[in-house]
Amino acid sequence: MALSNIRREYRGQPLRESDASTSPFEQFTRWFDEVRDLEGDPTAMVLATATRDGRPAARMVLLKGVDERGFVFYTNYRSRKGREIGETRRASLLFYWPSLERQVRIEGVVDVVSDAESDAYFDSRPVESRWSVHASPQSDVIDSREQLEAAQEGARQRYDTNVPRPAWWGGYRVVPDQFEFWQGRPNRLHDRLRYVKSPEGWTRDRIAP
């Protein structure tokens, strides 16, 4: 079958203004609560960044916190994503939940979370994951898988279970200035509600599919 002939029909429930919250954070929470037990990995999200001269990059990361301040994930600050965030202080997030034929797009500025927040999350991770943070020079070229595994073993021997969070690893918070909630609908007439932040608060409009 030609790729152009692969298609599916969307049968999602309507996304009406009368049913949607006036707060994008509340709307996100509603949708997340509906999919969290339906999706295998409901916190997975695409994080898109770009260099100062506009070269984009995207990858999957995991959402580790959300409130009215924004959306939090953790990484190596020296990684490619960390370097690009340092250049532009902007990012975009995309959640795709096929179980209910929904997407959420988020755009905003990026802040570094507090040391206390990063410490608390780092200490909550399995010890093997904490060793891996010390072992991996994320996004750098390495010689082999064996080199990586040897570095993790070195971290295990050095720290045992008392693993400190390195200063170059921690959290980022995407502080949204725009949301889009997309609901798949029949005949490609999808529902799209957009929320844009202004000095007066959030405004909501419907955009064409």
Protein backbone atom coordinates (compact mmCIF):
# COMPACT_ATOMS: atom_id res chain seq x y z
CA MET A 1 0.00 0.00 0.00
CA ALA A 2 1.28 3.47 -0.89
CA LEU A 3 1.90 5.74 2.05
CA SER A 4 -0.56 8.22 0.56
CA ASN A 5 -3.31 5.60 0.96
CA ILE A 6 -2.72 5.03 4.67
CA ARG A 7 -5.38 6.98 6.48
CA ARG A 8 -7.76 6.73 9.40
CA GLU A 9 -10.96 8.40 10.39
CA TYR A 10 -11.16 10.34 13.64
CA ARG A 11 -14.23 9.88 15.81
CA GLY A 12 -13.47 12.04 18.84
CA GLN A 13 -16.07 13.78 20.93
CA PRO A 14 -16.72 17.48 20.20
CA LEU A 15 -14.55 20.08 21.90
CA ARG A 16 -17.02 22.89 22.51
CA GLU A 17 -16.31 26.28 24.02
CA SER A 18 -19.27 25.78 26.34
CA ASP A 19 -17.64 22.65 27.77
CA ALA A 20 -14.00 23.82 27.84
CA SER A 21 -12.51 25.63 30.81
CA THR A 22 -11.56 29.30 30.52
CA SER A 23 -8.22 28.29 32.11
CA PRO A 24 -5.83 26.34 29.87
CA PHE A 25 -4.20 24.77 32.92
CA GLU A 26 -7.55 23.46 34.15
CA GLN A 27 -8.38 22.21 30.66
CA PHE A 28 -5.05 20.39 30.49
CA THR A 29 -5.71 18.77 33.87
CA ARG A 30 -9.15 17.61 32.73
CA TRP A 31 -7.77 15.99 29.61
CA PHE A 32 -4.79 14.48 31.40
CA ASP A 33 -7.03 12.94 34.06
CA GLU A 34 -9.09 11.33 31.28
CA VAL A 35 -6.10 9.76 29.49
CA ARG A 36 -3.71 8.89 32.32
CA ASP A 37 -5.09 5.36 32.68
CA LEU A 38 -5.64 4.87 28.94
CA GLU A 39 -2.15 5.68 27.65
CA GLY A 40 0.93 3.57 28.20
CA ASP A 41 3.03 6.69 28.79
CA PRO A 42 0.71 9.67 29.32
CA THR A 43 3.50 12.00 30.50
CA ALA A 44 5.55 11.57 27.31
CA MET A 45 5.83 14.81 25.37
CA VAL A 46 7.77 16.15 22.43
CA LEU A 47 10.11 18.96 23.43
CA ALA A 48 11.08 21.21 20.52
CA THR A 49 13.93 23.70 20.77
CA ALA A 50 16.00 25.65 18.26
CA THR A 51 19.37 27.30 17.96
CA ARG A 52 19.65 31.06 17.84
CA ASP A 53 19.91 30.89 14.05
CA GLY A 54 16.74 28.80 13.76
CA ARG A 55 17.91 25.18 13.43
CA PRO A 56 15.16 23.14 15.14
CA ALA A 57 15.40 19.89 17.09
CA ALA A 58 12.76 17.73 18.77
CA ARG A 59 12.86 14.79 21.15
CA MET A 60 10.66 12.94 23.64
CA VAL A 61 10.96 13.81 27.32
CA LEU A 62 8.76 13.07 30.34
CA LEU A 63 6.61 15.58 32.19
CA LYS A 64 7.54 15.55 35.88
CA GLY A 65 5.39 18.36 37.23
CA VAL A 66 2.69 20.81 36.20
CA ASP A 67 0.92 23.65 37.99
CA GLU A 68 -0.04 27.24 37.23
CA ARG A 69 3.67 28.11 36.97
CA GLY A 70 4.27 25.76 34.04
CA PHE A 71 5.45 22.33 32.86
CA VAL A 72 8.59 20.77 34.38
CA PHE A 73 11.05 18.26 32.98
CA TYR A 74 14.62 17.31 33.98
CA THR A 75 17.78 16.89 31.96
CA ASN A 76 21.48 17.57 31.62
CA TYR A 77 21.95 21.33 31.21
CA ARG A 78 24.95 20.62 28.95
CA SER A 79 22.93 18.50 26.51
CA ARG A 80 21.88 19.78 23.11
CA LYS A 81 18.46 20.73 24.42
CA GLY A 82 20.06 22.49 27.38
CA ARG A 83 22.40 24.47 25.16
CA GLU A 84 19.58 25.52 22.84
CA ILE A 85 17.36 26.55 25.74
CA GLY A 86 20.29 28.61 27.01
CA GLU A 87 20.49 30.38 23.64
CA THR A 88 16.81 31.24 23.17
CA ARG A 89 14.99 30.58 26.46
CA ARG A 90 12.02 29.33 24.45
CA ALA A 91 10.55 25.89 23.76
CA SER A 92 7.45 24.12 22.55
CA LEU A 93 5.80 21.00 23.98
CA LEU A 94 3.47 18.53 22.27
CA PHE A 95 1.38 15.85 23.95
CA TYR A 96 -0.29 13.26 21.69
CA TRP A 97 -2.84 10.92 23.23
CA PRO A 98 -4.18 8.57 20.49
CA SER A 99 -6.53 6.77 22.87
CA LEU A 100 -8.87 9.79 22.77
CA GLU A 101 -7.53 11.31 19.54
CA ARG A 102 -6.18 14.40 21.25
CA GLN A 103 -3.16 16.68 21.09
CA VAL A 104 -2.05 19.55 23.31
CA ARG A 105 0.51 22.05 22.03
CA ILE A 106 2.23 24.46 24.42
CA GLU A 107 4.64 27.29 23.68
CA GLY A 108 6.50 29.49 26.15
CA VAL A 109 9.63 30.76 27.79
CA VAL A 110 11.85 28.41 29.80
CA ASP A 111 13.12 28.96 33.34
CA VAL A 112 15.49 26.83 35.41
CA VAL A 113 13.70 25.38 38.44
CA SER A 114 15.06 25.98 41.92
CA ASP A 115 17.91 23.89 43.32
CA ALA A 116 15.54 22.65 46.02
CA GLU A 117 13.10 21.31 43.41
CA SER A 118 15.87 19.67 41.40
CA ASP A 119 17.40 18.12 44.53
CA ALA A 120 14.05 16.72 45.64
CA TYR A 121 13.33 15.15 42.27
CA PHE A 122 16.88 13.78 41.85
CA ASP A 123 16.74 12.13 45.26
CA SER A 124 13.42 10.48 44.34
CA ARG A 125 14.91 8.69 41.32
CA PRO A 126 16.06 5.06 41.44
CA VAL A 127 19.71 4.89 42.42
CA GLU A 128 20.64 3.32 39.08
CA SER A 129 19.24 6.38 37.29
CA ARG A 130 21.26 8.66 39.54
CA TRP A 131 24.43 6.75 38.69
CA SER A 132 23.55 7.13 35.00
CA VAL A 133 23.38 10.90 35.32
CA HIS A 134 27.01 10.95 36.44
CA ALA A 135 28.01 8.41 33.79
CA SER A 136 26.51 10.05 30.71
CA PRO A 137 27.97 13.15 28.99
CA GLN A 138 24.60 13.62 27.30
CA SER A 139 24.70 14.52 23.57
CA ASP A 140 28.51 14.15 23.40
CA VAL A 141 30.20 11.57 21.17
CA ILE A 142 31.37 8.46 23.07
CA ASP A 143 33.55 5.57 21.95
CA SER A 144 31.28 2.66 22.81
CA ARG A 145 28.44 1.24 24.89
CA GLU A 146 31.09 -0.39 27.06
CA GLN A 147 32.52 3.02 27.93
CA LEU A 148 29.10 4.16 29.14
CA GLU A 149 28.53 1.04 31.22
CA ALA A 150 32.00 1.33 32.73
CA ALA A 151 31.29 4.92 33.69
CA GLN A 152 28.06 3.89 35.40
CA GLU A 153 29.92 1.18 37.32
CA GLY A 154 32.47 3.81 38.33
CA ALA A 155 29.66 6.02 39.66
CA ARG A 156 28.23 3.07 41.59
CA GLN A 157 31.57 2.35 43.23
CA ARG A 158 32.21 6.00 44.01
CA TYR A 159 28.82 6.96 45.45
CA ASP A 160 26.98 3.75 46.35
CA THR A 161 23.51 4.99 47.41
CA ASN A 162 24.64 8.48 48.48
CA VAL A 163 24.55 10.03 45.01
CA PRO A 164 24.72 13.84 44.84
CA ARG A 165 22.93 15.81 42.15
CA PRO A 166 25.56 17.36 39.89
CA ALA A 167 25.26 21.12 39.32
CA TRP A 168 24.92 20.55 35.58
CA TRP A 169 21.75 18.47 35.90
CA GLY A 170 18.31 19.66 36.94
CA GLY A 171 14.92 20.93 35.96
CA TYR A 172 13.46 23.31 33.43
CA ARG A 173 10.01 24.85 33.58
CA VAL A 174 8.23 25.81 30.35
CA VAL A 175 6.12 28.85 31.28
CA PRO A 176 3.33 28.91 28.69
CA ASP A 177 2.15 31.92 26.74
CA GLN A 178 0.08 29.83 24.31
CA PHE A 179 -1.85 26.54 24.39
CA GLU A 180 -3.72 24.67 21.69
CA PHE A 181 -6.12 21.82 22.40
CA TRP A 182 -6.78 19.63 19.34
CA GLN A 183 -9.54 17.07 19.17
CA GLY A 184 -9.71 14.72 16.17
CA ARG A 185 -13.13 14.83 14.48
CA PRO A 186 -14.74 13.17 11.43
CA ASN A 187 -13.92 14.31 7.90
CA ARG A 188 -10.80 16.18 9.07
CA LEU A 189 -12.98 18.95 10.56
CA HIS A 190 -11.01 18.79 13.79
CA ASP A 191 -11.74 21.00 16.81
CA ARG A 192 -8.93 23.38 17.81
CA LEU A 193 -9.18 25.75 20.75
CA ARG A 194 -6.29 28.14 21.30
CA TYR A 195 -5.48 30.05 24.49
CA VAL A 196 -3.17 33.05 24.28
CA LYS A 197 -1.82 34.91 27.30
CA SER A 198 -2.18 38.69 27.46
CA PRO A 199 -1.58 41.25 30.21
CA GLU A 200 -5.27 40.87 31.12
CA GLY A 201 -5.13 37.08 31.34
CA TRP A 202 -5.93 34.24 28.95
CA THR A 203 -8.00 34.74 25.80
CA ARG A 204 -9.53 31.80 23.96
CA ASP A 205 -10.45 31.41 20.31
CA ARG A 206 -11.26 28.69 17.80
CA ILE A 207 -8.91 28.16 14.87
CA ALA A 208 -9.58 26.29 11.66
CA PRO A 209 -8.33 22.71 11.28
